Amino acid sequence: MSKANHTTDRLRSGIDGIDDILGGGFTPHRMYLVEGAPGTGKTTLALQFLLKGIEERQTGLYITLSETRSELISVAESHGWDLSQFHILELLSDEGLDPQFEQSVLHPAEVELGETVRNVIRQVDEIKPARIVLDSLSELRLLSQNPLRYRRQILALKRYFATRECTVLLLDDNTSDPSDIQLHSIAHGVITLDNLVHDYGGNRRRVRIAKMRGIKFREGYHDFSLDTGGIQVYPRLVAAEHHAEFSTAMMSTGTPGLDVLLGGGLIPGTNALIVGPSGVGKTTTVVSCLIAALQRGERCLYYVFDETLVTLIARCATVGMNLQPYVDNGLLTLRQIDPAEISPGEFASDVRVSVEQRGVRYVAIDSLNAYLQAMPGERYLLLQMHELLGYLNQQGIITMLVLGQHGIIGEVQSDIDISYLSDVVILFRYFEHHGEVLTAVTAVKSRANAHERSIRQFRLTETGVEVGEALRDFEGVLSGLPAYRGSTALLGATDHVIDTSRQ
């Protein structure tokens, strides 16, 4: 999915996200360090690396000093993998319990190796593996007894594997002194795995390429998940890497009054922020715009944070907007987000897949309040949202964002101010008139075209959304206590009006 140039001489890692970050994969015949605390996914990554080699007809060898063969097989079975396709050399044995075998795996001489490593050499010479995993270096570090001998052992292994044209992953569980980074200088590349634990919800895992010689890679942290089926990495989104040609012809919202308010409608490659207090009709307005797009045959994606999909479909049907047929025919994708389980990178990756592989043209996020609350331990969420909106704009997507405000009357406040990121801002307010609580709507910002600056009445009927004529005699809209003193006939003056408190 990256725009980087992929080279044909790269070695695929078995994890698409890592290959994307590296611009194609590993440089063959080099030694790489994969470091991270226990439980971060090092073994799973290594198994995927070897299984990818089997897929490409490359022999693999897993050398284990810390886990037994049965433990590895158990891990693989949990993911549905068959490890019989590559070789496992288990260096754990009963000999380790005998004091006479408490010596270094490698002798300090140039190529003089201990009996244990001679077993490794015999295996490598016999099966001639293209991919090797050594798990883990913490055992070698303990057996070496001092840093000098440990470094010599790693260098000896590096020289030996280089003569056999092997690509090697060394796994390290970070049990050494954090300031000891001598392995970083020896390895051709370093991949660091982190596992963050928040006060509530699942763990947040992330990966970083700390070093990679001779390769231009995407720096920084990238979220990843570890689930049945292995590791899935979500490369950090960089909007500048993604440009597409698209038409900027204006699209109708499906509501004539709203089109007039916006100066004609919504333009592809822009995002619209719908702002207002609870129950004012923000969600229903977004759905009405999606219905118009669906009727034109465009694919739409709606992320729901605040309510269940069953509730959303049911209440939209009460105002004449039946979403179920569009869900059934595949034009509309409704995705309910589990607030405690998703990371920002996974969310952005899902949007990218929907746009680039499924052809989605409309994306709605309801709501930004819940998006922020869903990831309370994450930093720089606004920067990530900035990149996501930039990406969607450059892909020609119409994006609709819902932002709920605190309070009903008086001073109404927002959790965040994201209006500077928005191309269009539509503001909703309650107002009173002759003892009734009604709703007003206005467009306060539009970067793409000239918009009307008047205030119009908004209401929901049995047939959907309705926006009335411009009302010129409002008082106190910006102060939060709007009232209408004019003589222009209001919507539904003689009709039955639906109670919007549930919308």
Foldseek 3Di string as FASTA:
>chain_A
DFLAAADPQAQAQLAVQVCNQQRHHARFLFEEEEEAAPPLAPLLSQVSRQVVCVVVVFAEEEEEADDDPVVSVVVQVLQPHDPVSYYYHYLDDPVVVPVVPLAQQQDLDQQGGDPSVVVVVVVCVVPLGQEYEYPALVVNVVSLVDPVSSVSVVVSVSVVSSVSRHYYYYYYNPPDDPVDPPVCVVGQWYKYKYWADDPDFHIWIWIATPHHPPTDGDGDIWTWDQDRNGIHTQDQFAQVRDFDDDDQDFAAQQAVQVCQQAVHHHTFLFEEEEEEAALQCQVQSVLSSVLSVVVVVAAEEEEAEDDDPVVVQVVNVQQARHCVVCVVVRRYHYHYDDLRYDDLSRVLSVVVCCCPPVVHQEYEYPAVVSNCVSCVPDPPVLVSVLSSSSNRSSSRHYYYYYFHWPDQFFDTHGPDDPVVSHQWYKYKHWADDPHDIFMKIHIPHHNPDDGDGFIWTWAGHSNGIHTDDGQDAWPCVVRRHIYGDDDPDHPPPPHDGDDSSVD
